């Protein structure tokens, strides 16, 4: 016999099943339908439990924002372009699901190269060996031309890139986020870093002009963020540090100048959940009101999932 005294479980007080609330009911279960082979049927089959339930709520809230003409701001990292997802984002812009696009400097590189050459993404592990990584002449020259235009016309950096691709007869411009945003009169803002992008290391890079144009983009973003009060949506796809930090500062500016900016929706999508997106996108901005969501998965799966969920539900009545 043990020398340590165990607790006597015979003294436990039990209670009837119906006395306590349960979080899951059969009405929330998945609903298979082998005869309905469509994405709409797939979406309907998802259980209203945990992240599947959150996704359905987010879809309804985006649809509601679109219906009420509230901003839907999309922060996207450069991997979205490298994963071949630009056409989906362009289509969402055209249908009014995305009203504002913000990114960082790496997206400029990939978007320019896709627009003009139809390919992008160097083999870094090979090119870093001889110092040729990020030294492509044409990419730098096109970017520097856009920067010169931004300086001349006092444009934001994203707008200048869109204008350059539009006027440069880029062969594959229909795949460009900046071209299509410019075409659709949707702000595309670039929040640049110094030393973070291959553009920084090339001849002719005018840091002062780039910084001024990117600062204008930040102020354009702040103005848009001031309008998300009462149902706007902010999504961050694949930026672990820069864009979540930019959003938090833009929100603080908007609240400082414009007053109340509450009751909006945020969502973070990434392959793993990092500290800053969770704090600066999901939790802190919505701590007093609104909704914050987080979804974990690969961009090349999660963005098409979001895209099709929005498209097939665009004519449905929202449930929020």
Protein backbone atom coordinates (compact mmCIF):
# COMPACT_ATOMS: atom_id res chain seq x y z
CA UNK A 1 0.00 0.00 0.00
CA UNK A 2 1.27 3.48 -0.88
CA UNK A 3 2.48 5.65 1.94
CA UNK A 4 0.81 8.64 0.18
CA UNK A 5 -2.88 9.29 0.68
CA UNK A 6 -5.00 9.46 -2.52
CA UNK A 7 -8.19 11.46 -2.80
CA UNK A 8 -11.44 9.52 -2.49
CA UNK A 9 -13.33 9.90 -5.80
CA UNK A 10 -16.41 8.34 -4.23
CA UNK A 11 -16.99 11.74 -2.66
CA UNK A 12 -17.36 13.46 -6.08
CA UNK A 13 -20.73 15.18 -6.55
CA UNK A 14 -22.24 14.43 -9.97
CA UNK A 15 -25.08 16.32 -11.67
CA UNK A 16 -27.70 15.66 -14.37
CA UNK A 17 -26.56 16.06 -18.00
CA UNK A 18 -29.01 18.88 -18.78
CA UNK A 19 -27.79 21.01 -15.90
CA UNK A 20 -24.71 22.16 -17.80
CA UNK A 21 -24.40 23.89 -21.15
CA UNK A 22 -22.59 22.08 -23.98
CA UNK A 23 -20.59 23.90 -26.63
CA UNK A 24 -21.14 21.43 -29.47
CA UNK A 25 -24.46 20.09 -30.75
CA UNK A 26 -25.34 17.88 -33.70
CA UNK A 27 -26.79 20.89 -35.49
CA UNK A 28 -23.19 22.13 -35.74
CA UNK A 29 -21.84 18.91 -37.28
CA UNK A 30 -20.53 18.64 -40.82
CA UNK A 31 -23.12 17.86 -43.47
CA UNK A 32 -21.83 15.53 -46.19
CA UNK A 33 -23.71 15.45 -49.46
CA UNK A 34 -22.11 13.23 -52.06
CA UNK A 35 -24.57 14.37 -54.70
CA UNK A 36 -23.71 18.07 -54.45
CA UNK A 37 -20.28 18.39 -56.04
CA UNK A 38 -19.65 22.11 -55.76
CA UNK A 39 -17.64 24.50 -53.64
CA UNK A 40 -20.85 25.83 -52.14
CA UNK A 41 -21.69 22.30 -51.00
CA UNK A 42 -18.18 21.93 -49.58
CA UNK A 43 -18.57 25.13 -47.60
CA UNK A 44 -21.98 24.08 -46.32
CA UNK A 45 -20.51 20.76 -45.21
CA UNK A 46 -18.03 22.41 -42.85
CA UNK A 47 -19.04 22.11 -39.21
CA UNK A 48 -19.87 25.29 -37.30
CA UNK A 49 -17.08 24.48 -34.87
CA UNK A 50 -13.78 26.24 -34.09
CA UNK A 51 -11.93 27.56 -37.17
CA UNK A 52 -14.56 26.39 -39.65
CA UNK A 53 -17.11 28.41 -37.72
CA UNK A 54 -14.72 31.38 -37.61
CA UNK A 55 -14.21 31.22 -41.37
CA UNK A 56 -17.95 31.27 -42.00
CA UNK A 57 -18.31 34.25 -39.66
CA UNK A 58 -15.49 36.11 -41.40
CA UNK A 59 -17.04 35.49 -44.81
CA UNK A 60 -20.36 36.88 -43.61
CA UNK A 61 -18.64 39.93 -42.11
CA UNK A 62 -16.72 40.66 -45.33
CA UNK A 63 -19.93 40.33 -47.33
CA UNK A 64 -21.65 42.69 -44.91
CA UNK A 65 -18.81 45.22 -45.22
CA UNK A 66 -19.09 45.04 -49.01
CA UNK A 67 -22.86 45.52 -48.84
CA UNK A 68 -22.49 48.53 -46.52
CA UNK A 69 -19.64 50.00 -48.59
CA UNK A 70 -17.15 49.79 -45.72
CA UNK A 71 -13.43 49.44 -46.45
CA UNK A 72 -11.92 45.99 -46.84
CA UNK A 73 -8.19 46.58 -46.40
CA UNK A 74 -5.83 43.80 -47.49
CA UNK A 75 -2.26 43.62 -46.19
CA UNK A 76 -0.29 41.09 -48.22
CA UNK A 77 3.27 39.83 -48.10
CA UNK A 78 5.30 39.16 -51.24
CA UNK A 79 4.86 35.40 -51.06
CA UNK A 80 1.31 35.79 -52.34
CA UNK A 81 2.76 36.88 -55.68
CA UNK A 82 5.37 34.11 -55.66
CA UNK A 83 2.63 31.59 -54.92
CA UNK A 84 0.76 32.64 -58.08
CA UNK A 85 -2.19 34.20 -56.26
CA UNK A 86 -2.28 37.63 -57.90
CA UNK A 87 -5.15 36.74 -60.29
CA UNK A 88 -7.40 35.89 -57.34
CA UNK A 89 -6.63 39.19 -55.62
CA UNK A 90 -7.26 41.09 -58.85
CA UNK A 91 -10.63 39.39 -59.25
CA UNK A 92 -11.55 40.26 -55.66
CA UNK A 93 -10.62 43.88 -56.38
CA UNK A 94 -12.81 43.91 -59.47
CA UNK A 95 -15.77 42.52 -57.53
CA UNK A 96 -15.43 45.00 -54.68
CA UNK A 97 -14.26 42.49 -52.07
CA UNK A 98 -10.93 44.31 -51.64
CA UNK A 99 -10.97 48.10 -51.58
CA UNK A 100 -7.40 48.84 -50.47
CA UNK A 101 -4.08 46.98 -50.85
CA UNK A 102 -0.97 47.44 -48.73
CA UNK A 103 2.31 45.58 -49.00
CA UNK A 104 6.05 45.97 -48.48
CA UNK A 105 9.03 46.41 -50.76
CA UNK A 106 9.62 42.79 -51.76
CA UNK A 107 6.26 42.75 -53.54
CA UNK A 108 7.48 45.48 -55.89
CA UNK A 109 10.28 43.23 -57.11
CA UNK A 110 8.07 40.22 -57.81
CA UNK A 111 5.23 42.27 -59.28
CA UNK A 112 7.51 44.15 -61.68
CA UNK A 113 9.21 40.96 -62.81
CA UNK A 114 5.92 39.14 -63.34
CA UNK A 115 4.46 42.11 -65.25
CA UNK A 116 7.41 42.59 -67.58
CA UNK A 117 8.99 39.13 -67.85
CA UNK A 118 6.34 36.63 -66.72
CA UNK A 119 8.62 35.04 -64.12
CA UNK A 120 10.20 35.88 -60.75
CA UNK A 121 11.89 34.45 -57.62
CA UNK A 122 15.62 33.91 -57.95
CA UNK A 123 17.46 30.80 -56.81
CA UNK A 124 18.86 32.61 -53.79
CA UNK A 125 21.02 29.76 -52.47
CA UNK A 126 22.90 29.70 -55.80
CA UNK A 127 23.16 33.42 -56.55
CA UNK A 128 24.23 34.43 -53.04
CA UNK A 129 27.44 32.44 -53.56
CA UNK A 130 28.89 34.87 -56.12
CA UNK A 131 27.16 38.07 -55.03
CA UNK A 132 24.76 38.17 -57.97
CA UNK A 133 21.62 37.76 -55.85
CA UNK A 134 19.27 40.70 -56.31
CA UNK A 135 21.43 42.43 -58.91
CA UNK A 136 19.08 42.22 -61.91
CA UNK A 137 19.54 45.36 -64.01
CA UNK A 138 16.07 45.59 -65.58
CA UNK A 139 14.15 45.23 -62.31
CA UNK A 140 16.16 48.00 -60.72
CA UNK A 141 15.89 50.27 -63.78
CA UNK A 142 12.10 49.91 -63.95
CA UNK A 143 11.80 50.61 -60.23
CA UNK A 144 14.08 53.65 -60.42
CA UNK A 145 11.96 54.98 -63.29
CA UNK A 146 8.85 54.68 -61.15
CA UNK A 147 10.59 56.46 -58.27
CA UNK A 148 11.54 59.32 -60.59
CA UNK A 149 7.88 59.60 -61.60
CA UNK A 150 6.83 59.62 -57.94
CA UNK A 151 9.25 62.46 -57.29
CA UNK A 152 8.11 64.47 -60.31
CA UNK A 153 4.35 64.10 -59.70
CA UNK A 154 4.33 63.73 -55.90
CA UNK A 155 2.85 60.23 -56.05
CA UNK A 156 2.76 57.50 -53.46
CA UNK A 157 5.17 54.66 -54.19
CA UNK A 158 2.47 52.10 -54.97
CA UNK A 159 0.65 54.45 -57.33
CA UNK A 160 3.92 55.24 -59.11
CA UNK A 161 4.64 51.54 -59.63
CA UNK A 162 1.15 51.01 -61.05
CA UNK A 163 1.58 53.98 -63.38
CA UNK A 164 4.98 52.75 -64.55
CA UNK A 165 3.66 49.27 -65.39
CA UNK A 166 0.64 50.79 -67.13
CA UNK A 167 2.69 53.09 -69.33
CA UNK A 168 5.61 50.69 -69.82
CA UNK A 169 3.74 48.26 -72.07
CA UNK A 170 4.44 45.38 -69.73
CA UNK A 171 3.68 42.16 -71.61
CA UNK A 172 2.06 40.41 -68.65
CA UNK A 173 0.57 43.40 -66.87
CA UNK A 174 -2.80 41.69 -66.38
CA UNK A 175 -1.08 39.60 -63.66
CA UNK A 176 0.23 42.66 -61.83
CA UNK A 177 -1.39 43.77 -58.57
CA UNK A 178 -0.06 47.31 -58.94
CA UNK A 179 -1.25 47.66 -62.53
CA UNK A 180 -4.73 46.41 -61.74
CA UNK A 181 -5.05 48.50 -58.59
CA UNK A 182 -4.04 51.56 -60.62
CA UNK A 183 -6.53 50.60 -63.36
CA UNK A 184 -9.35 50.14 -60.84
CA UNK A 185 -8.51 53.29 -58.84
CA UNK A 186 -7.82 51.19 -55.75
CA UNK A 187 -5.01 52.51 -53.55
CA UNK A 188 -1.98 50.21 -53.51
CA UNK A 189 0.46 51.32 -50.83
CA UNK A 190 4.03 50.19 -50.22
CA UNK A 191 5.57 50.36 -46.75
CA UNK A 192 9.23 50.20 -47.54
CA UNK A 193 12.13 48.94 -45.44
CA UNK A 194 15.74 50.01 -45.88
CA UNK A 195 18.11 47.07 -46.25
CA UNK A 196 15.28 44.54 -46.47
CA UNK A 197 14.81 44.46 -50.26
CA UNK A 198 17.10 43.72 -53.19
CA UNK A 199 16.17 47.10 -54.65
CA UNK A 200 18.19 48.77 -51.89
CA UNK A 201 21.49 47.35 -53.12
CA UNK A 202 21.30 48.51 -56.74
CA UNK A 203 22.83 51.57 -58.42
CA UNK A 204 20.60 54.62 -58.61
CA UNK A 205 18.48 53.78 -55.55
CA UNK A 206 17.30 57.13 -54.17
CA UNK A 207 16.51 56.38 -50.55
CA UNK A 208 15.27 59.90 -49.84
CA UNK A 209 12.74 59.85 -52.70
CA UNK A 210 11.65 56.28 -51.97
CA UNK A 211 11.15 57.15 -48.31
CA UNK A 212 9.09 60.23 -49.15
CA UNK A 213 6.84 58.29 -51.54
CA UNK A 214 6.38 55.46 -49.04
CA UNK A 215 5.59 57.97 -46.29
CA UNK A 216 2.83 59.38 -48.49
CA UNK A 217 1.50 55.83 -48.82
CA UNK A 218 1.47 55.53 -45.03
CA UNK A 219 -0.61 58.70 -44.74
CA UNK A 220 -3.01 57.42 -47.42
CA UNK A 221 -3.37 54.22 -45.40
CA UNK A 222 -4.05 56.18 -42.19
CA UNK A 223 -6.90 58.01 -43.91
CA UNK A 224 -8.43 54.73 -45.08
CA UNK A 225 -8.07 53.10 -41.67
CA UNK A 226 -10.05 55.99 -40.17
CA UNK A 227 -13.05 54.75 -42.20
CA UNK A 228 -13.20 51.17 -40.89
CA UNK A 229 -15.28 52.19 -37.87
CA UNK A 230 -18.50 50.22 -37.63
CA UNK A 231 -17.92 47.21 -39.83
CA UNK A 232 -14.79 47.64 -41.93
CA UNK A 233 -12.45 44.70 -42.43
CA UNK A 234 -8.65 44.42 -42.21
CA UNK A 235 -6.88 41.23 -43.32
CA UNK A 236 -3.19 40.41 -43.08
CA UNK A 237 -1.87 37.63 -45.30
CA UNK A 238 1.66 36.48 -44.69
CA UNK A 239 3.44 39.48 -43.16
CA UNK A 240 4.99 38.60 -39.82
CA UNK A 241 6.37 41.99 -38.76
CA UNK A 242 6.30 44.99 -41.11
CA UNK A 243 2.64 45.20 -42.09
CA UNK A 244 1.20 44.38 -38.63
CA UNK A 245 3.37 47.16 -37.21
CA UNK A 246 2.27 49.56 -39.94
CA UNK A 247 -1.40 48.79 -39.29
CA UNK A 248 -1.13 49.39 -35.54
CA UNK A 249 0.49 52.79 -36.09
CA UNK A 250 -2.06 53.72 -38.76
CA UNK A 251 -4.88 52.82 -36.37
CA UNK A 252 -3.38 54.96 -33.62
CA UNK A 253 -3.06 57.92 -36.01
CA UNK A 254 -6.64 57.44 -37.22
CA UNK A 255 -8.02 57.37 -33.67
CA UNK A 256 -5.89 60.34 -32.63
CA UNK A 257 -7.07 62.57 -35.48
CA UNK A 258 -10.52 61.28 -36.40
CA UNK A 259 -11.78 60.02 -33.03
CA UNK A 260 -13.64 56.73 -32.56
CA UNK A 261 -12.55 53.88 -34.82
CA UNK A 262 -14.11 50.74 -33.36
CA UNK A 263 -16.38 47.84 -34.21
CA UNK A 264 -14.32 46.57 -37.14
CA UNK A 265 -13.10 43.11 -38.13
CA UNK A 266 -9.52 41.84 -38.38
CA UNK A 267 -8.09 38.53 -39.57
CA UNK A 268 -4.59 37.11 -39.81
CA UNK A 269 -3.71 34.33 -42.24
CA UNK A 270 -0.27 32.72 -42.10
CA UNK A 271 1.57 29.40 -42.16
CA UNK A 272 2.36 29.85 -38.47
CA UNK A 273 0.95 32.40 -36.05
CA UNK A 274 3.60 34.95 -35.09
CA UNK A 275 3.54 37.26 -32.10
CA UNK A 276 3.10 40.60 -33.87
CA UNK A 277 0.23 39.70 -36.21
CA UNK A 278 -1.66 38.13 -33.31
CA UNK A 279 -1.12 41.15 -31.09
CA UNK A 280 -1.19 43.99 -33.64
CA UNK A 281 -3.85 42.67 -36.01
CA UNK A 282 -6.06 40.22 -34.13
CA UNK A 283 -6.05 41.21 -30.44
CA UNK A 284 -5.06 44.79 -29.61
CA UNK A 285 -7.11 46.62 -32.25
CA UNK A 286 -10.32 44.75 -31.39
CA UNK A 287 -9.89 44.36 -27.62
CA UNK A 288 -12.77 46.72 -26.78
CA UNK A 289 -15.08 45.93 -29.71
CA UNK A 290 -15.25 44.15 -33.05
CA UNK A 291 -13.97 40.72 -34.06
CA UNK A 292 -10.47 39.30 -34.46
CA UNK A 293 -9.75 36.01 -36.25
CA UNK A 294 -6.63 33.94 -36.96
CA UNK A 295 -6.23 31.15 -39.51
CA UNK A 296 -3.20 28.92 -40.00
CA UNK A 297 -2.31 27.36 -43.34
CA UNK A 298 -0.33 27.71 -46.55
CA UNK A 299 -1.18 30.77 -48.64
CA UNK A 300 -1.64 28.77 -51.83
CA UNK A 301 -4.48 26.91 -50.08
CA UNK A 302 -5.92 29.51 -47.71
CA UNK A 303 -6.32 32.38 -50.18
CA UNK A 304 -8.15 30.27 -52.78
CA UNK A 305 -10.35 28.99 -49.94
CA UNK A 306 -11.19 32.56 -48.93
CA UNK A 307 -11.65 33.59 -52.57
CA UNK A 308 -14.13 30.85 -53.43
CA UNK A 309 -16.00 31.24 -50.16
CA UNK A 310 -16.56 34.92 -50.97
CA UNK A 311 -17.47 34.30 -54.59
CA UNK A 312 -20.03 31.56 -54.02
CA UNK A 313 -21.61 33.44 -51.13
CA UNK A 314 -21.67 36.86 -52.78
CA UNK A 315 -25.39 36.65 -53.51
CA UNK A 316 -26.40 34.91 -50.32
CA UNK A 317 -28.01 36.62 -47.36
CA UNK A 318 -25.47 37.10 -44.57
CA UNK A 319 -26.07 35.53 -41.17
CA UNK A 320 -24.58 38.32 -39.05
